[in-house]
Amino acid sequence: MPLDVDAEAFEALVVEELDALPDEMVDGLENVVFVCEDAPEDGSDILGEYQGVDLTRRDRYGFGELPDRIVLFRLPLLAYCRDLDELHDEVHVTLVHEIAHYFGIDDDELHRLGWG
């Protein structure tokens, strides 16, 4: 049976895990918003998604740019986890994974590093 965590409680959990990340991981983030949504529009079961142009591919980036987005999907994460401890762990891993994409680290490298 999937966990039952409403949108407000899920967002609070994400903020808690984001605050727990090491400063050196989040200090370099610029013009990025973190968003919680129920599920991906395409119906897939991904847990999170980085939407933007990673730092390694940016040419000119400056004033007036819309922020990049790191999205965590509540329903797939709840379906993936058995309990709240596992949900905390998976939100943490998903945040690290998507932040890594912002810095230009691809899925192959994340798998090699154990974050895939």
PDB file of N, CA and C in Angstrom:
ATOM      1  N   MET A   1       0.846  -1.183   0.000  1.00  0.00           N
ATOM      2  CA  MET A   1       0.000   0.000   0.000  1.00  0.00           C
ATOM      3  C   MET A   1       0.889   1.244   0.000  1.00  0.00           C
ATOM      4  N   PRO A   2       0.646   2.184  -0.928  1.00  0.00           N
ATOM      5  CA  PRO A   2       1.485   3.385  -0.980  1.00  0.00           C
ATOM      6  C   PRO A   2       1.326   4.253   0.261  1.00  0.00           C
ATOM      7  N   LEU A   3       2.363   5.011   0.536  1.00  0.00           N
ATOM      8  CA  LEU A   3       2.296   5.966   1.640  1.00  0.00           C
ATOM      9  C   LEU A   3       1.233   7.013   1.359  1.00  0.00           C
ATOM     10  N   ASP A   4       0.679   7.568   2.419  1.00  0.00           N
ATOM     11  CA  ASP A   4      -0.320   8.630   2.287  1.00  0.00           C
ATOM     12  C   ASP A   4       0.252   9.893   2.918  1.00  0.00           C
ATOM     13  N   VAL A   5       0.853  10.737   2.089  1.00  0.00           N
ATOM     14  CA  VAL A   5       1.416  11.999   2.536  1.00  0.00           C
ATOM     15  C   VAL A   5       0.825  13.084   1.647  1.00  0.00           C
ATOM     16  N   ASP A   6       0.105  14.019   2.254  1.00  0.00           N
ATOM     17  CA  ASP A   6      -0.522  15.061   1.434  1.00  0.00           C
ATOM     18  C   ASP A   6       0.534  16.018   0.879  1.00  0.00           C
ATOM     19  N   ALA A   7       0.101  16.868  -0.048  1.00  0.00           N
ATOM     20  CA  ALA A   7       1.020  17.761  -0.759  1.00  0.00           C
ATOM     21  C   ALA A   7       1.756  18.699   0.197  1.00  0.00           C
ATOM     22  N   GLU A   8       1.074  19.224   1.191  1.00  0.00           N
ATOM     23  CA  GLU A   8       1.699  20.153   2.132  1.00  0.00           C
ATOM     24  C   GLU A   8       2.772  19.461   2.971  1.00  0.00           C
ATOM     25  N   ALA A   9       2.468  18.278   3.481  1.00  0.00           N
ATOM     26  CA  ALA A   9       3.442  17.530   4.280  1.00  0.00           C
ATOM     27  C   ALA A   9       4.621  17.084   3.418  1.00  0.00           C
ATOM     28  N   PHE A  10       4.343  16.722   2.165  1.00  0.00           N
ATOM     29  CA  PHE A  10       5.416  16.321   1.260  1.00  0.00           C
ATOM     30  C   PHE A  10       6.356  17.489   0.996  1.00  0.00           C
ATOM     31  N   GLU A  11       5.794  18.655   0.734  1.00  0.00           N
ATOM     32  CA  GLU A  11       6.624  19.837   0.491  1.00  0.00           C
ATOM     33  C   GLU A  11       7.487  20.157   1.713  1.00  0.00           C
ATOM     34  N   ALA A  12       6.934  20.036   2.904  1.00  0.00           N
ATOM     35  CA  ALA A  12       7.701  20.276   4.128  1.00  0.00           C
ATOM     36  C   ALA A  12       8.849  19.275   4.248  1.00  0.00           C
ATOM     37  N   LEU A  13       8.600  18.019   3.880  1.00  0.00           N
ATOM     38  CA  LEU A  13       9.638  16.994   3.913  1.00  0.00           C
ATOM     39  C   LEU A  13      10.752  17.337   2.919  1.00  0.00           C
ATOM     40  N   VAL A  14      10.383  17.796   1.731  1.00  0.00           N
ATOM     41  CA  VAL A  14      11.376  18.174   0.717  1.00  0.00           C
ATOM     42  C   VAL A  14      12.221  19.342   1.217  1.00  0.00           C
ATOM     43  N   VAL A  15      11.593  20.340   1.820  1.00  0.00           N
ATOM     44  CA  VAL A  15      12.331  21.486   2.357  1.00  0.00           C
ATOM     45  C   VAL A  15      13.290  21.023   3.448  1.00  0.00           C
ATOM     46  N   GLU A  16      12.841  20.122   4.296  1.00  0.00           N
ATOM     47  CA  GLU A  16      13.691  19.583   5.361  1.00  0.00           C
ATOM     48  C   GLU A  16      14.923  18.888   4.767  1.00  0.00           C
ATOM     49  N   GLU A  17      14.717  18.069   3.741  1.00  0.00           N
ATOM     50  CA  GLU A  17      15.839  17.372   3.111  1.00  0.00           C
ATOM     51  C   GLU A  17      16.744  18.331   2.345  1.00  0.00           C
ATOM     52  N   LEU A  18      16.172  19.338   1.734  1.00  0.00           N
ATOM     53  CA  LEU A  18      16.977  20.343   1.029  1.00  0.00           C
ATOM     54  C   LEU A  18      17.848  21.104   2.030  1.00  0.00           C
ATOM     55  N   ASP A  19      17.288  21.463   3.167  1.00  0.00           N
ATOM     56  CA  ASP A  19      18.051  22.164   4.204  1.00  0.00           C
ATOM     57  C   ASP A  19      19.168  21.300   4.777  1.00  0.00           C
ATOM     58  N   ALA A  20      19.006  19.979   4.714  1.00  0.00           N
ATOM     59  CA  ALA A  20      20.004  19.058   5.265  1.00  0.00           C
ATOM     60  C   ALA A  20      21.168  18.795   4.311  1.00  0.00           C
ATOM     61  N   LEU A  21      21.053  19.232   3.057  1.00  0.00           N
ATOM     62  CA  LEU A  21      22.143  19.013   2.103  1.00  0.00           C
ATOM     63  C   LEU A  21      23.351  19.851   2.493  1.00  0.00           C
ATOM     64  N   PRO A  22      24.549  19.362   2.179  1.00  0.00           N
ATOM     65  CA  PRO A  22      25.761  20.128   2.508  1.00  0.00           C
ATOM     66  C   PRO A  22      25.782  21.485   1.799  1.00  0.00           C
ATOM     67  N   ASP A  23      26.291  22.490   2.494  1.00  0.00           N
ATOM     68  CA  ASP A  23      26.356  23.833   1.922  1.00  0.00           C
ATOM     69  C   ASP A  23      27.090  23.857   0.591  1.00  0.00           C
ATOM     70  N   GLU A  24      28.172  23.098   0.476  1.00  0.00           N
ATOM     71  CA  GLU A  24      28.956  23.120  -0.764  1.00  0.00           C
ATOM     72  C   GLU A  24      28.170  22.575  -1.956  1.00  0.00           C
ATOM     73  N   MET A  25      27.118  21.835  -1.708  1.00  0.00           N
ATOM     74  CA  MET A  25      26.290  21.327  -2.788  1.00  0.00           C
ATOM     75  C   MET A  25      25.285  22.378  -3.265  1.00  0.00           C
ATOM     76  N   VAL A  26      24.763  23.167  -2.363  1.00  0.00           N
ATOM     77  CA  VAL A  26      23.710  24.107  -2.732  1.00  0.00           C
ATOM     78  C   VAL A  26      24.202  25.540  -2.922  1.00  0.00           C
ATOM     79  N   ASP A  27      25.402  25.864  -2.436  1.00  0.00           N
ATOM     80  CA  ASP A  27      25.912  27.226  -2.562  1.00  0.00           C
ATOM     81  C   ASP A  27      26.084  27.653  -4.016  1.00  0.00           C
ATOM     82  N   GLY A  28      26.380  26.724  -4.916  1.00  0.00           N
ATOM     83  CA  GLY A  28      26.597  27.069  -6.310  1.00  0.00           C
ATOM     84  C   GLY A  28      25.333  27.166  -7.141  1.00  0.00           C
ATOM     85  N   LEU A  29      24.194  26.911  -6.545  1.00  0.00           N
ATOM     86  CA  LEU A  29      22.938  26.960  -7.289  1.00  0.00           C
ATOM     87  C   LEU A  29      22.502  28.410  -7.473  1.00  0.00           C
ATOM     88  N   GLU A  30      22.287  28.788  -8.711  1.00  0.00           N
ATOM     89  CA  GLU A  30      21.825  30.140  -9.002  1.00  0.00           C
ATOM     90  C   GLU A  30      20.656  30.069  -9.968  1.00  0.00           C
ATOM     91  N   ASN A  31      19.644  30.864  -9.701  1.00  0.00           N
ATOM     92  CA  ASN A  31      18.470  30.955 -10.566  1.00  0.00           C
ATOM     93  C   ASN A  31      17.803  29.583 -10.748  1.00  0.00           C
ATOM     94  N   VAL A  32      17.620  28.883  -9.632  1.00  0.00           N
ATOM     95  CA  VAL A  32      16.982  27.563  -9.621  1.00  0.00           C
ATOM     96  C   VAL A  32      15.854  27.586  -8.605  1.00  0.00           C
ATOM     97  N   VAL A  33      14.710  27.037  -8.995  1.00  0.00           N
ATOM     98  CA  VAL A  33      13.615  26.870  -8.048  1.00  0.00           C
ATOM     99  C   VAL A  33      13.363  25.381  -7.851  1.00  0.00           C
ATOM    100  N   PHE A  34      12.959  25.031  -6.648  1.00  0.00           N
ATOM    101  CA  PHE A  34      12.578  23.661  -6.325  1.00  0.00           C
ATOM    102  C   PHE A  34      11.065  23.616  -6.262  1.00  0.00           C
ATOM    103  N   VAL A  35      10.491  22.646  -6.959  1.00  0.00           N
ATOM    104  CA  VAL A  35       9.045  22.556  -7.107  1.00  0.00           C
ATOM    105  C   VAL A  35       8.596  21.135  -6.771  1.00  0.00           C
ATOM    106  N   CYS A  36       7.470  21.024  -6.108  1.00  0.00           N
ATOM    107  CA  CYS A  36       6.837  19.723  -5.867  1.00  0.00           C
ATOM    108  C   CYS A  36       5.568  19.655  -6.718  1.00  0.00           C
ATOM    109  N   GLU A  37       5.444  18.583  -7.456  1.00  0.00           N
ATOM    110  CA  GLU A  37       4.243  18.335  -8.250  1.00  0.00           C
ATOM    111  C   GLU A  37       3.767  16.924  -7.954  1.00  0.00           C
ATOM    112  N   ASP A  38       2.494  16.661  -8.224  1.00  0.00           N
ATOM    113  CA  ASP A  38       1.964  15.327  -7.954  1.00  0.00           C
ATOM    114  C   ASP A  38       2.602  14.262  -8.828  1.00  0.00           C
ATOM    115  N   ALA A  39       2.646  14.504 -10.149  1.00  0.00           N
ATOM    116  CA  ALA A  39       3.163  13.481 -11.069  1.00  0.00           C
ATOM    117  C   ALA A  39       3.592  14.160 -12.372  1.00  0.00           C
ATOM    118  N   PRO A  40       4.470  13.506 -13.124  1.00  0.00           N
ATOM    119  CA  PRO A  40       4.857  14.059 -14.429  1.00  0.00           C
ATOM    120  C   PRO A  40       3.656  14.109 -15.372  1.00  0.00           C
ATOM    121  N   GLU A  41       3.618  15.146 -16.205  1.00  0.00           N
ATOM    122  CA  GLU A  41       2.514  15.298 -17.152  1.00  0.00           C
ATOM    123  C   GLU A  41       2.436  14.146 -18.146  1.00  0.00           C
ATOM    124  N   ASP A  42       3.581  13.528 -18.456  1.00  0.00           N
ATOM    125  CA  ASP A  42       3.588  12.453 -19.458  1.00  0.00           C
ATOM    126  C   ASP A  42       3.166  11.102 -18.882  1.00  0.00           C
ATOM    127  N   GLY A  43       2.840  11.056 -17.583  1.00  0.00           N
ATOM    128  CA  GLY A  43       2.379   9.824 -16.973  1.00  0.00           C
ATOM    129  C   GLY A  43       3.490   8.862 -16.583  1.00  0.00           C
ATOM    130  N   SER A  44       4.744   9.257 -16.762  1.00  0.00           N
ATOM    131  CA  SER A  44       5.853   8.372 -16.401  1.00  0.00           C
ATOM    132  C   SER A  44       5.963   8.266 -14.883  1.00  0.00           C
ATOM    133  N   ASP A  45       6.831   7.390 -14.431  1.00  0.00           N
ATOM    134  CA  ASP A  45       6.989   7.190 -12.992  1.00  0.00           C
ATOM    135  C   ASP A  45       8.316   7.725 -12.470  1.00  0.00           C
ATOM    136  N   ILE A  46       8.882   8.746 -13.160  1.00  0.00           N
ATOM    137  CA  ILE A  46      10.137   9.313 -12.681  1.00  0.00           C
ATOM    138  C   ILE A  46       9.901  10.007 -11.339  1.00  0.00           C
ATOM    139  N   LEU A  47      10.952  10.035 -10.523  1.00  0.00           N
ATOM    140  CA  LEU A  47      10.847  10.584  -9.178  1.00  0.00           C
ATOM    141  C   LEU A  47      11.141  12.080  -9.133  1.00  0.00           C
ATOM    142  N   GLY A  48      11.974  12.527 -10.063  1.00  0.00           N
ATOM    143  CA  GLY A  48      12.347  13.933 -10.118  1.00  0.00           C
ATOM    144  C   GLY A  48      12.854  14.276 -11.491  1.00  0.00           C
ATOM    145  N   GLU A  49      13.015  15.591 -11.724  1.00  0.00           N
ATOM    146  CA  GLU A  49      13.464  16.028 -13.043  1.00  0.00           C
ATOM    147  C   GLU A  49      14.124  17.397 -12.931  1.00  0.00           C
ATOM    148  N   TYR A  50      15.258  17.534 -13.629  1.00  0.00           N
ATOM    149  CA  TYR A  50      15.896  18.845 -13.772  1.00  0.00           C
ATOM    150  C   TYR A  50      15.423  19.429 -15.086  1.00  0.00           C
ATOM    151  N   GLN A  51      14.912  20.629 -15.053  1.00  0.00           N
ATOM    152  CA  GLN A  51      14.434  21.316 -16.255  1.00  0.00           C
ATOM    153  C   GLN A  51      15.228  22.601 -16.409  1.00  0.00           C
ATOM    154  N   GLY A  52      16.110  22.614 -17.386  1.00  0.00           N
ATOM    155  CA  GLY A  52      16.926  23.795 -17.619  1.00  0.00           C
ATOM    156  C   GLY A  52      18.131  23.459 -18.466  1.00  0.00           C
ATOM    157  N   VAL A  53      19.060  24.385 -18.505  1.00  0.00           N
ATOM    158  CA  VAL A  53      20.309  24.207 -19.241  1.00  0.00           C
ATOM    159  C   VAL A  53      21.414  24.098 -18.201  1.00  0.00           C
ATOM    160  N   ASP A  54      22.074  22.927 -18.165  1.00  0.00           N
ATOM    161  CA  ASP A  54      23.076  22.726 -17.120  1.00  0.00           C
ATOM    162  C   ASP A  54      24.264  23.670 -17.313  1.00  0.00           C
ATOM    163  N   LEU A  55      25.027  23.841 -16.252  1.00  0.00           N
ATOM    164  CA  LEU A  55      26.125  24.806 -16.251  1.00  0.00           C
ATOM    165  C   LEU A  55      27.165  24.533 -17.332  1.00  0.00           C
ATOM    166  N   THR A  56      27.367  23.290 -17.692  1.00  0.00           N
ATOM    167  CA  THR A  56      28.392  22.968 -18.690  1.00  0.00           C
ATOM    168  C   THR A  56      27.961  23.312 -20.102  1.00  0.00           C
ATOM    169  N   ARG A  57      26.666  23.551 -20.334  1.00  0.00           N
ATOM    170  CA  ARG A  57      26.175  23.851 -21.685  1.00  0.00           C
ATOM    171  C   ARG A  57      25.675  25.280 -21.839  1.00  0.00           C
ATOM    172  N   ARG A  58      25.806  26.066 -20.808  1.00  0.00           N
ATOM    173  CA  ARG A  58      25.330  27.449 -20.899  1.00  0.00           C
ATOM    174  C   ARG A  58      26.332  28.291 -21.661  1.00  0.00           C
ATOM    175  N   ASP A  59      25.815  29.073 -22.578  1.00  0.00           N
ATOM    176  CA  ASP A  59      26.657  30.001 -23.321  1.00  0.00           C
ATOM    177  C   ASP A  59      26.592  31.357 -22.635  1.00  0.00           C
ATOM    178  N   ARG A  60      25.517  32.034 -22.849  1.00  0.00           N
ATOM    179  CA  ARG A  60      25.258  33.310 -22.204  1.00  0.00           C
ATOM    180  C   ARG A  60      24.046  33.127 -21.310  1.00  0.00           C
ATOM    181  N   TYR A  61      24.173  33.505 -20.084  1.00  0.00           N
ATOM    182  CA  TYR A  61      23.080  33.324 -19.139  1.00  0.00           C
ATOM    183  C   TYR A  61      23.110  34.514 -18.217  1.00  0.00           C
ATOM    184  N   GLY A  62      22.063  35.242 -18.180  1.00  0.00           N
ATOM    185  CA  GLY A  62      22.129  36.432 -17.355  1.00  0.00           C
ATOM    186  C   GLY A  62      20.772  36.962 -16.976  1.00  0.00           C
ATOM    187  N   PHE A  63      20.711  38.240 -16.853  1.00  0.00           N
ATOM    188  CA  PHE A  63      19.525  38.929 -16.376  1.00  0.00           C
ATOM    189  C   PHE A  63      18.319  38.606 -17.254  1.00  0.00           C
ATOM    190  N   GLY A  64      17.200  38.325 -16.621  1.00  0.00           N
ATOM    191  CA  GLY A  64      15.965  38.100 -17.346  1.00  0.00           C
ATOM    192  C   GLY A  64      15.673  36.649 -17.689  1.00  0.00           C
ATOM    193  N   GLU A  65      16.587  35.750 -17.396  1.00  0.00           N
ATOM    194  CA  GLU A  65      16.357  34.338 -17.692  1.00  0.00           C
ATOM    195  C   GLU A  65      15.363  33.755 -16.690  1.00  0.00           C
ATOM    196  N   LEU A  66      14.470  32.932 -17.197  1.00  0.00           N
ATOM    197  CA  LEU A  66      13.590  32.202 -16.283  1.00  0.00           C
ATOM    198  C   LEU A  66      14.444  31.225 -15.480  1.00  0.00           C
ATOM    199  N   PRO A  67      14.052  30.951 -14.241  1.00  0.00           N
ATOM    200  CA  PRO A  67      14.862  30.025 -13.443  1.00  0.00           C
ATOM    201  C   PRO A  67      14.753  28.592 -13.958  1.00  0.00           C
ATOM    202  N   ASP A  68      15.850  27.854 -13.782  1.00  0.00           N
ATOM    203  CA  ASP A  68      15.797  26.412 -13.981  1.00  0.00           C
ATOM    204  C   ASP A  68      14.901  25.855 -12.882  1.00  0.00           C
ATOM    205  N   ARG A  69      14.413  24.624 -13.112  1.00  0.00           N
ATOM    206  CA  ARG A  69      13.513  24.002 -12.138  1.00  0.00           C
ATOM    207  C   ARG A  69      14.030  22.613 -11.779  1.00  0.00           C
ATOM    208  N   ILE A  70      13.974  22.311 -10.518  1.00  0.00           N
ATOM    209  CA  ILE A  70      14.173  20.940 -10.044  1.00  0.00           C
ATOM    210  C   ILE A  70      12.837  20.531  -9.449  1.00  0.00           C
ATOM    211  N   VAL A  71      12.236  19.522 -10.074  1.00  0.00           N
ATOM    212  CA  VAL A  71      10.886  19.090  -9.713  1.00  0.00           C
ATOM    213  C   VAL A  71      10.960  17.723  -9.036  1.00  0.00           C
ATOM    214  N   LEU A  72      10.299  17.589  -7.901  1.00  0.00           N
ATOM    215  CA  LEU A  72      10.131  16.294  -7.254  1.00  0.00           C
ATOM    216  C   LEU A  72       8.667  15.903  -7.371  1.00  0.00           C
ATOM    217  N   PHE A  73       8.436  14.659  -7.769  1.00  0.00           N
ATOM    218  CA  PHE A  73       7.084  14.174  -8.033  1.00  0.00           C
ATOM    219  C   PHE A  73       6.594  13.333  -6.856  1.00  0.00           C
ATOM    220  N   ARG A  74       5.595  13.846  -6.184  1.00  0.00           N
ATOM    221  CA  ARG A  74       5.090  13.263  -4.940  1.00  0.00           C
ATOM    222  C   ARG A  74       4.543  11.844  -5.117  1.00  0.00           C
ATOM    223  N   LEU A  75       3.640  11.636  -6.063  1.00  0.00           N
ATOM    224  CA  LEU A  75       2.987  10.322  -6.172  1.00  0.00           C
ATOM    225  C   LEU A  75       3.952   9.202  -6.555  1.00  0.00           C
ATOM    226  N   PRO A  76       4.848   9.395  -7.529  1.00  0.00           N
ATOM    227  CA  PRO A  76       5.824   8.329  -7.798  1.00  0.00           C
ATOM    228  C   PRO A  76       6.745   8.061  -6.605  1.00  0.00           C
ATOM    229  N   LEU A  77       7.145   9.117  -5.891  1.00  0.00           N
ATOM    230  CA  LEU A  77       7.989   8.899  -4.718  1.00  0.00           C
ATOM    231  C   LEU A  77       7.236   8.136  -3.632  1.00  0.00           C
ATOM    232  N   LEU A  78       5.970   8.471  -3.415  1.00  0.00           N
ATOM    233  CA  LEU A  78       5.182   7.743  -2.414  1.00  0.00           C
ATOM    234  C   LEU A  78       4.993   6.287  -2.808  1.00  0.00           C
ATOM    235  N   ALA A  79       4.774   6.030  -4.085  1.00  0.00           N
ATOM    236  CA  ALA A  79       4.589   4.654  -4.555  1.00  0.00           C
ATOM    237  C   ALA A  79       5.876   3.847  -4.440  1.00  0.00           C
ATOM    238  N   TYR A  80       7.011   4.509  -4.526  1.00  0.00           N
ATOM    239  CA  TYR A  80       8.320   3.847  -4.511  1.00  0.00           C
ATOM    240  C   TYR A  80       8.766   3.471  -3.098  1.00  0.00           C
ATOM    241  N   CYS A  81       8.261   4.183  -2.099  1.00  0.00           N
ATOM    242  CA  CYS A  81       8.754   4.029  -0.728  1.00  0.00           C
ATOM    243  C   CYS A  81       7.763   3.276   0.151  1.00  0.00           C
ATOM    244  N   ARG A  82       8.306   2.513   1.100  1.00  0.00           N
ATOM    245  CA  ARG A  82       7.480   1.715   2.011  1.00  0.00           C
ATOM    246  C   ARG A  82       7.099   2.452   3.283  1.00  0.00           C
ATOM    247  N   ASP A  83       7.966   3.403   3.704  1.00  0.00           N
ATOM    248  CA  ASP A  83       7.695   4.115   4.960  1.00  0.00           C
ATOM    249  C   ASP A  83       8.317   5.511   4.897  1.00  0.00           C
ATOM    250  N   LEU A  84       8.088   6.300   5.932  1.00  0.00           N
ATOM    251  CA  LEU A  84       8.567   7.684   5.938  1.00  0.00           C
ATOM    252  C   LEU A  84      10.089   7.783   5.942  1.00  0.00           C
ATOM    253  N   ASP A  85      10.763   6.858   6.623  1.00  0.00           N
ATOM    254  CA  ASP A  85      12.228   6.874   6.610  1.00  0.00           C
ATOM    255  C   ASP A  85      12.759   6.665   5.195  1.00  0.00           C
ATOM    256  N   GLU A  86      12.181   5.722   4.489  1.00  0.00           N
ATOM    257  CA  GLU A  86      12.591   5.476   3.121  1.00  0.00           C
ATOM    258  C   GLU A  86      12.250   6.670   2.227  1.00  0.00           C
ATOM    259  N   LEU A  87      11.124   7.322   2.482  1.00  0.00           N
ATOM    260  CA  LEU A  87      10.752   8.506   1.710  1.00  0.00           C
ATOM    261  C   LEU A  87      11.777   9.622   1.925  1.00  0.00           C
ATOM    262  N   HIS A  88      12.174   9.858   3.164  1.00  0.00           N
ATOM    263  CA  HIS A  88      13.214  10.853   3.437  1.00  0.00           C
ATOM    264  C   HIS A  88      14.483  10.521   2.658  1.00  0.00           C
ATOM    265  N   ASP A  89      14.906   9.263   2.712  1.00  0.00           N
ATOM    266  CA  ASP A  89      16.128   8.849   2.012  1.00  0.00           C
ATOM    267  C   ASP A  89      15.999   9.048   0.511  1.00  0.00           C
ATOM    268  N   GLU A  90      14.863   8.680  -0.055  1.00  0.00           N
ATOM    269  CA  GLU A  90      14.690   8.771  -1.506  1.00  0.00           C
ATOM    270  C   GLU A  90      14.556  10.221  -1.965  1.00  0.00           C
ATOM    271  N   VAL A  91      13.926  11.069  -1.184  1.00  0.00           N
ATOM    272  CA  VAL A  91      13.871  12.491  -1.512  1.00  0.00           C
ATOM    273  C   VAL A  91      15.292  13.066  -1.498  1.00  0.00           C
ATOM    274  N   HIS A  92      16.094  12.681  -0.515  1.00  0.00           N
ATOM    275  CA  HIS A  92      17.486  13.125  -0.437  1.00  0.00           C
ATOM    276  C   HIS A  92      18.255  12.704  -1.690  1.00  0.00           C
ATOM    277  N   VAL A  93      18.153  11.439  -2.049  1.00  0.00           N
ATOM    278  CA  VAL A  93      18.857  10.929  -3.230  1.00  0.00           C
ATOM    279  C   VAL A  93      18.366  11.637  -4.493  1.00  0.00           C
ATOM    280  N   THR A  94      17.066  11.851  -4.600  1.00  0.00           N
ATOM    281  CA  THR A  94      16.503  12.507  -5.780  1.00  0.00           C
ATOM    282  C   THR A  94      16.979  13.957  -5.865  1.00  0.00           C
ATOM    283  N   LEU A  95      17.030  14.653  -4.757  1.00  0.00           N
ATOM    284  CA  LEU A  95      17.552  16.022  -4.766  1.00  0.00           C
ATOM    285  C   LEU A  95      19.002  16.050  -5.234  1.00  0.00           C
ATOM    286  N   VAL A  96      19.831  15.179  -4.678  1.00  0.00           N
ATOM    287  CA  VAL A  96      21.242  15.120  -5.077  1.00  0.00           C
ATOM    288  C   VAL A  96      21.351  14.817  -6.567  1.00  0.00           C
ATOM    289  N   HIS A  97      20.567  13.864  -7.038  1.00  0.00           N
ATOM    290  CA  HIS A  97      20.580  13.457  -8.447  1.00  0.00           C
ATOM    291  C   HIS A  97      20.238  14.634  -9.356  1.00  0.00           C
ATOM    292  N   GLU A  98      19.180  15.356  -9.050  1.00  0.00           N
ATOM    293  CA  GLU A  98      18.751  16.456  -9.913  1.00  0.00           C
ATOM    294  C   GLU A  98      19.676  17.665  -9.801  1.00  0.00           C
ATOM    295  N   ILE A  99      20.211  17.933  -8.631  1.00  0.00           N
ATOM    296  CA  ILE A  99      21.198  19.008  -8.484  1.00  0.00           C
ATOM    297  C   ILE A  99      22.445  18.671  -9.303  1.00  0.00           C
ATOM    298  N   ALA A 100      22.831  17.411  -9.316  1.00  0.00           N
ATOM    299  CA  ALA A 100      23.980  16.991 -10.128  1.00  0.00           C
ATOM    300  C   ALA A 100      23.736  17.284 -11.602  1.00  0.00           C
ATOM    301  N   HIS A 101      22.518  17.068 -12.076  1.00  0.00           N
ATOM    302  CA  HIS A 101      22.201  17.405 -13.468  1.00  0.00           C
ATOM    303  C   HIS A 101      22.383  18.905 -13.718  1.00  0.00           C
ATOM    304  N   TYR A 102      22.006  19.733 -12.770  1.00  0.00           N
ATOM    305  CA  TYR A 102      22.211  21.182 -12.892  1.00  0.00           C
ATOM    306  C   TYR A 102      23.697  21.483 -13.123  1.00  0.00           C
ATOM    307  N   PHE A 103      24.565  20.762 -12.418  1.00  0.00           N
ATOM    308  CA  PHE A 103      26.004  20.984 -12.550  1.00  0.00           C
ATOM    309  C   PHE A 103      26.609  20.263 -13.756  1.00  0.00           C
ATOM    310  N   GLY A 104      25.773  19.553 -14.529  1.00  0.00           N
ATOM    311  CA  GLY A 104      26.241  18.928 -15.761  1.00  0.00           C
ATOM    312  C   GLY A 104      26.670  17.481 -15.629  1.00  0.00           C
ATOM    313  N   ILE A 105      26.351  16.850 -14.526  1.00  0.00           N
ATOM    314  CA  ILE A 105      26.709  15.434 -14.336  1.00  0.00           C
ATOM    315  C   ILE A 105      25.582  14.591 -14.909  1.00  0.00           C
ATOM    316  N   ASP A 106      25.908  13.712 -15.861  1.00  0.00           N
ATOM    317  CA  ASP A 106      24.880  12.920 -16.534  1.00  0.00           C
ATOM    318  C   ASP A 106      24.562  11.639 -15.766  1.00  0.00           C
ATOM    319  N   ASP A 107      23.540  10.923 -16.228  1.00  0.00           N
ATOM    320  CA  ASP A 107      23.081   9.710 -15.541  1.00  0.00           C
ATOM    321  C   ASP A 107      24.156   8.638 -15.462  1.00  0.00           C
ATOM    322  N   ASP A 108      24.955   8.467 -16.528  1.00  0.00           N
ATOM    323  CA  ASP A 108      26.015   7.453 -16.496  1.00  0.00           C
ATOM    324  C   ASP A 108      26.996   7.717 -15.362  1.00  0.00           C
ATOM    325  N   GLU A 109      27.408   8.970 -15.222  1.00  0.00           N
ATOM    326  CA  GLU A 109      28.346   9.320 -14.149  1.00  0.00           C
ATOM    327  C   GLU A 109      27.674   9.183 -12.778  1.00  0.00           C
ATOM    328  N   LEU A 110      26.411   9.560 -12.671  1.00  0.00           N
ATOM    329  CA  LEU A 110      25.700   9.397 -11.408  1.00  0.00           C
ATOM    330  C   LEU A 110      25.604   7.930 -11.011  1.00  0.00           C
ATOM    331  N   HIS A 111      25.337   7.052 -11.969  1.00  0.00           N
ATOM    332  CA  HIS A 111      25.306   5.613 -11.670  1.00  0.00           C
ATOM    333  C   HIS A 111      26.660   5.133 -11.215  1.00  0.00           C
ATOM    334  N   ARG A 112      27.703   5.602 -11.871  1.00  0.00           N
ATOM    335  CA  ARG A 112      29.065   5.199 -11.509  1.00  0.00           C
ATOM    336  C   ARG A 112      29.375   5.638 -10.076  1.00  0.00           C
ATOM    337  N   LEU A 113      28.882   6.807  -9.694  1.00  0.00           N
ATOM    338  CA  LEU A 113      29.123   7.348  -8.355  1.00  0.00           C
ATOM    339  C   LEU A 113      28.161   6.795  -7.293  1.00  0.00           C
ATOM    340  N   GLY A 114      27.185   5.997  -7.724  1.00  0.00           N
ATOM    341  CA  GLY A 114      26.246   5.412  -6.776  1.00  0.00           C
ATOM    342  C   GLY A 114      25.021   6.262  -6.490  1.00  0.00           C
ATOM    343  N   TRP A 115      24.762   7.298  -7.297  1.00  0.00           N
ATOM    344  CA  TRP A 115      23.622   8.180  -7.096  1.00  0.00           C
ATOM    345  C   TRP A 115      22.580   8.025  -8.188  1.00  0.00           C
ATOM    346  N   GLY A 116      22.670   6.957  -8.975  1.00  0.00           N
ATOM    347  CA  GLY A 116      21.767   6.785 -10.113  1.00  0.00           C
ATOM    348  C   GLY A 116      20.509   6.051  -9.810  1.00  0.00           C
TER     349      GLY A 116
END
